[in-house]
Amino acid sequence: MEPEKVIIVFFKWLRENPNIFMPTAWQDLPKLDTEIAESADDELFPIAMTISKWCAHHGLGDTLREQARKDIDDAGEPTPTTQQMLTNTTQTLRQDIEETYEKLQQLDAQKSDKDNDSK
């Protein structure tokens, strides 16, 4: 599987489908953020491997592979957005991970508050 595809699928999840990390995988996003910080922007293969391992550990490995294969089949020309993602991979991924983590943390807190209110 091409590392670019893995990274782009993960970007899409972070930006368009953060609920895929529910109910518990989102809690481990900071660990992924730390691991990605250790890679340089031009090291797409190690970044993709880090993402793949993290996803496999959280039961998302098959979904990641399926989405990456689908994107290969549906691939058109790279868009400016995907080009930018792959140019500043580490920084952009880390920023998106942090933003998604904060969003999901707030959603989880709201859910906990509602659960407590209903008791």
C-alpha atoms as a PDB file:
ATOM      1  CA  MET A   1       0.000   0.000   0.000  1.00  0.00           C
ATOM      2  CA  GLU A   2       1.351   3.417  -0.915  1.00  0.00           C
ATOM      3  CA  PRO A   3       2.260   5.535   2.113  1.00  0.00           C
ATOM      4  CA  GLU A   4       0.660   8.615   0.552  1.00  0.00           C
ATOM      5  CA  LYS A   5      -2.709   6.836   0.405  1.00  0.00           C
ATOM      6  CA  VAL A   6      -2.541   5.750   4.049  1.00  0.00           C
ATOM      7  CA  ILE A   7      -1.710   9.292   5.132  1.00  0.00           C
ATOM      8  CA  ILE A   8      -4.431  10.876   2.991  1.00  0.00           C
ATOM      9  CA  VAL A   9      -7.086   8.435   4.264  1.00  0.00           C
ATOM     10  CA  PHE A  10      -6.085   9.221   7.837  1.00  0.00           C
ATOM     11  CA  PHE A  11      -6.239  12.965   7.110  1.00  0.00           C
ATOM     12  CA  LYS A  12      -9.752  12.463   5.738  1.00  0.00           C
ATOM     13  CA  TRP A  13     -10.791  10.619   8.884  1.00  0.00           C
ATOM     14  CA  LEU A  14      -9.440  13.387  11.079  1.00  0.00           C
ATOM     15  CA  ARG A  15     -11.128  16.120   9.073  1.00  0.00           C
ATOM     16  CA  GLU A  16     -14.317  14.512   7.781  1.00  0.00           C
ATOM     17  CA  ASN A  17     -15.070  11.483   9.958  1.00  0.00           C
ATOM     18  CA  PRO A  18     -13.627  11.908  13.463  1.00  0.00           C
ATOM     19  CA  ASN A  19     -16.350   9.685  14.929  1.00  0.00           C
ATOM     20  CA  ILE A  20     -14.453   6.714  13.497  1.00  0.00           C
ATOM     21  CA  PHE A  21     -12.204   7.076  16.565  1.00  0.00           C
ATOM     22  CA  MET A  22     -15.110   6.618  18.978  1.00  0.00           C
ATOM     23  CA  PRO A  23     -15.723   5.298  21.541  1.00  0.00           C
ATOM     24  CA  THR A  24     -12.162   4.852  22.822  1.00  0.00           C
ATOM     25  CA  ALA A  25      -9.462   5.099  20.132  1.00  0.00           C
ATOM     26  CA  TRP A  26      -9.525   8.906  20.287  1.00  0.00           C
ATOM     27  CA  GLN A  27      -8.098   8.760  23.819  1.00  0.00           C
ATOM     28  CA  ASP A  28      -4.849   7.404  22.372  1.00  0.00           C
ATOM     29  CA  LEU A  29      -4.467  10.085  19.657  1.00  0.00           C
ATOM     30  CA  PRO A  30      -1.871  12.025  21.737  1.00  0.00           C
ATOM     31  CA  LYS A  31       0.379   8.953  21.669  1.00  0.00           C
ATOM     32  CA  LEU A  32       0.123   8.852  17.867  1.00  0.00           C
ATOM     33  CA  ASP A  33       0.857  12.580  17.775  1.00  0.00           C
ATOM     34  CA  THR A  34       4.062  12.022  19.773  1.00  0.00           C
ATOM     35  CA  GLU A  35       5.164   9.154  17.527  1.00  0.00           C
ATOM     36  CA  ILE A  36       4.562  11.166  14.354  1.00  0.00           C
ATOM     37  CA  ALA A  37       6.560  14.080  15.792  1.00  0.00           C
ATOM     38  CA  GLU A  38       9.641  11.861  15.598  1.00  0.00           C
ATOM     39  CA  SER A  39       9.416  11.686  11.778  1.00  0.00           C
ATOM     40  CA  ALA A  40      10.541  14.221   9.209  1.00  0.00           C
ATOM     41  CA  ASP A  41       8.100  15.509   6.578  1.00  0.00           C
ATOM     42  CA  ASP A  42       9.850  13.639   3.791  1.00  0.00           C
ATOM     43  CA  GLU A  43       9.652  10.310   5.642  1.00  0.00           C
ATOM     44  CA  LEU A  44       6.243   9.247   4.339  1.00  0.00           C
ATOM     45  CA  PHE A  45       6.837   5.516   4.731  1.00  0.00           C
ATOM     46  CA  PRO A  46       7.646   5.653   8.493  1.00  0.00           C
ATOM     47  CA  ILE A  47       4.703   8.022   9.061  1.00  0.00           C
ATOM     48  CA  ALA A  48       2.356   5.680   7.176  1.00  0.00           C
ATOM     49  CA  MET A  49       3.687   2.678   9.131  1.00  0.00           C
ATOM     50  CA  THR A  50       3.127   4.515  12.417  1.00  0.00           C
ATOM     51  CA  ILE A  51      -0.453   5.316  11.386  1.00  0.00           C
ATOM     52  CA  SER A  52      -1.061   1.744  10.182  1.00  0.00           C
ATOM     53  CA  LYS A  53       0.212   0.215  13.421  1.00  0.00           C
ATOM     54  CA  TRP A  54      -1.826   2.644  15.529  1.00  0.00           C
ATOM     55  CA  CYS A  55      -4.956   1.868  13.502  1.00  0.00           C
ATOM     56  CA  ALA A  56      -4.365  -1.887  13.747  1.00  0.00           C
ATOM     57  CA  HIS A  57      -3.950  -1.574  17.521  1.00  0.00           C
ATOM     58  CA  HIS A  58      -7.303   0.229  17.715  1.00  0.00           C
ATOM     59  CA  GLY A  59      -9.289  -2.085  15.438  1.00  0.00           C
ATOM     60  CA  LEU A  60      -9.138   0.275  12.454  1.00  0.00           C
ATOM     61  CA  GLY A  61      -6.462  -1.498  10.405  1.00  0.00           C
ATOM     62  CA  ASP A  62      -8.838  -3.280   8.018  1.00  0.00           C
ATOM     63  CA  THR A  63     -10.878  -0.116   7.492  1.00  0.00           C
ATOM     64  CA  LEU A  64      -7.703   1.846   6.748  1.00  0.00           C
ATOM     65  CA  ARG A  65      -6.556  -0.739   4.183  1.00  0.00           C
ATOM     66  CA  GLU A  66      -9.984  -0.846   2.524  1.00  0.00           C
ATOM     67  CA  GLN A  67     -10.189   2.945   2.309  1.00  0.00           C
ATOM     68  CA  ALA A  68      -6.643   3.238   0.978  1.00  0.00           C
ATOM     69  CA  ARG A  69      -7.384   0.626  -1.717  1.00  0.00           C
ATOM     70  CA  LYS A  70     -10.610   2.394  -2.628  1.00  0.00           C
ATOM     71  CA  ASP A  71      -8.757   5.691  -2.911  1.00  0.00           C
ATOM     72  CA  ILE A  72      -6.193   4.034  -5.199  1.00  0.00           C
ATOM     73  CA  ASP A  73      -9.009   2.846  -7.469  1.00  0.00           C
ATOM     74  CA  ASP A  74     -10.733   6.257  -7.385  1.00  0.00           C
ATOM     75  CA  ALA A  75      -7.533   8.290  -7.555  1.00  0.00           C
ATOM     76  CA  GLY A  76      -7.525  11.257  -9.813  1.00  0.00           C
ATOM     77  CA  GLU A  77      -4.981  14.026 -10.034  1.00  0.00           C
ATOM     78  CA  PRO A  78      -3.606  15.226  -6.701  1.00  0.00           C
ATOM     79  CA  THR A  79      -5.524  18.219  -5.383  1.00  0.00           C
ATOM     80  CA  PRO A  80      -3.848  21.286  -3.869  1.00  0.00           C
ATOM     81  CA  THR A  81      -5.133  20.152  -0.462  1.00  0.00           C
ATOM     82  CA  THR A  82      -3.586  16.689  -0.700  1.00  0.00           C
ATOM     83  CA  GLN A  83      -0.363  18.131  -2.076  1.00  0.00           C
ATOM     84  CA  GLN A  84      -0.152  20.495   0.907  1.00  0.00           C
ATOM     85  CA  MET A  85      -0.856  17.618   3.316  1.00  0.00           C
ATOM     86  CA  LEU A  86       2.021  15.632   1.872  1.00  0.00           C
ATOM     87  CA  THR A  87       4.374  18.625   1.790  1.00  0.00           C
ATOM     88  CA  ASN A  88       3.962  19.484   5.480  1.00  0.00           C
ATOM     89  CA  THR A  89       2.961  16.022   6.609  1.00  0.00           C
ATOM     90  CA  THR A  90       4.260  15.982  10.165  1.00  0.00           C
ATOM     91  CA  GLN A  91       3.091  19.455  11.097  1.00  0.00           C
ATOM     92  CA  THR A  92      -0.308  19.151   9.411  1.00  0.00           C
ATOM     93  CA  LEU A  93      -0.996  15.678  10.819  1.00  0.00           C
ATOM     94  CA  ARG A  94      -0.023  16.714  14.329  1.00  0.00           C
ATOM     95  CA  GLN A  95      -2.237  19.791  14.155  1.00  0.00           C
ATOM     96  CA  ASP A  96      -5.198  17.780  12.850  1.00  0.00           C
ATOM     97  CA  ILE A  97      -4.678  15.073  15.489  1.00  0.00           C
ATOM     98  CA  GLU A  98      -4.623  17.669  18.272  1.00  0.00           C
ATOM     99  CA  GLU A  99      -7.754  19.427  16.969  1.00  0.00           C
ATOM    100  CA  THR A 100      -9.627  16.144  16.539  1.00  0.00           C
ATOM    101  CA  TYR A 101      -8.578  14.971  19.998  1.00  0.00           C
ATOM    102  CA  GLU A 102      -9.879  18.181  21.569  1.00  0.00           C
ATOM    103  CA  LYS A 103     -13.196  17.919  19.680  1.00  0.00           C
ATOM    104  CA  LEU A 104     -13.707  14.297  20.673  1.00  0.00           C
ATOM    105  CA  GLN A 105     -12.697  15.025  24.257  1.00  0.00           C
ATOM    106  CA  GLN A 106     -15.408  17.699  24.423  1.00  0.00           C
ATOM    107  CA  LEU A 107     -17.977  15.347  22.869  1.00  0.00           C
ATOM    108  CA  ASP A 108     -17.076  12.633  25.363  1.00  0.00           C
ATOM    109  CA  ALA A 109     -17.364  15.093  28.259  1.00  0.00           C
ATOM    110  CA  GLN A 110     -20.791  16.221  27.032  1.00  0.00           C
ATOM    111  CA  LYS A 111     -21.882  12.604  26.712  1.00  0.00           C
ATOM    112  CA  SER A 112     -20.672  11.881  30.256  1.00  0.00           C
ATOM    113  CA  ASP A 113     -22.566  14.915  31.560  1.00  0.00           C
ATOM    114  CA  LYS A 114     -25.757  13.731  29.848  1.00  0.00           C
ATOM    115  CA  ASP A 115     -25.270  10.214  31.208  1.00  0.00           C
ATOM    116  CA  ASN A 116     -24.858  11.620  34.733  1.00  0.00           C
ATOM    117  CA  ASP A 117     -27.888  13.908  34.346  1.00  0.00           C
ATOM    118  CA  SER A 118     -30.116  11.009  33.368  1.00  0.00           C
ATOM    119  CA  LYS A 119     -29.270   9.063  36.548  1.00  0.00           C
END
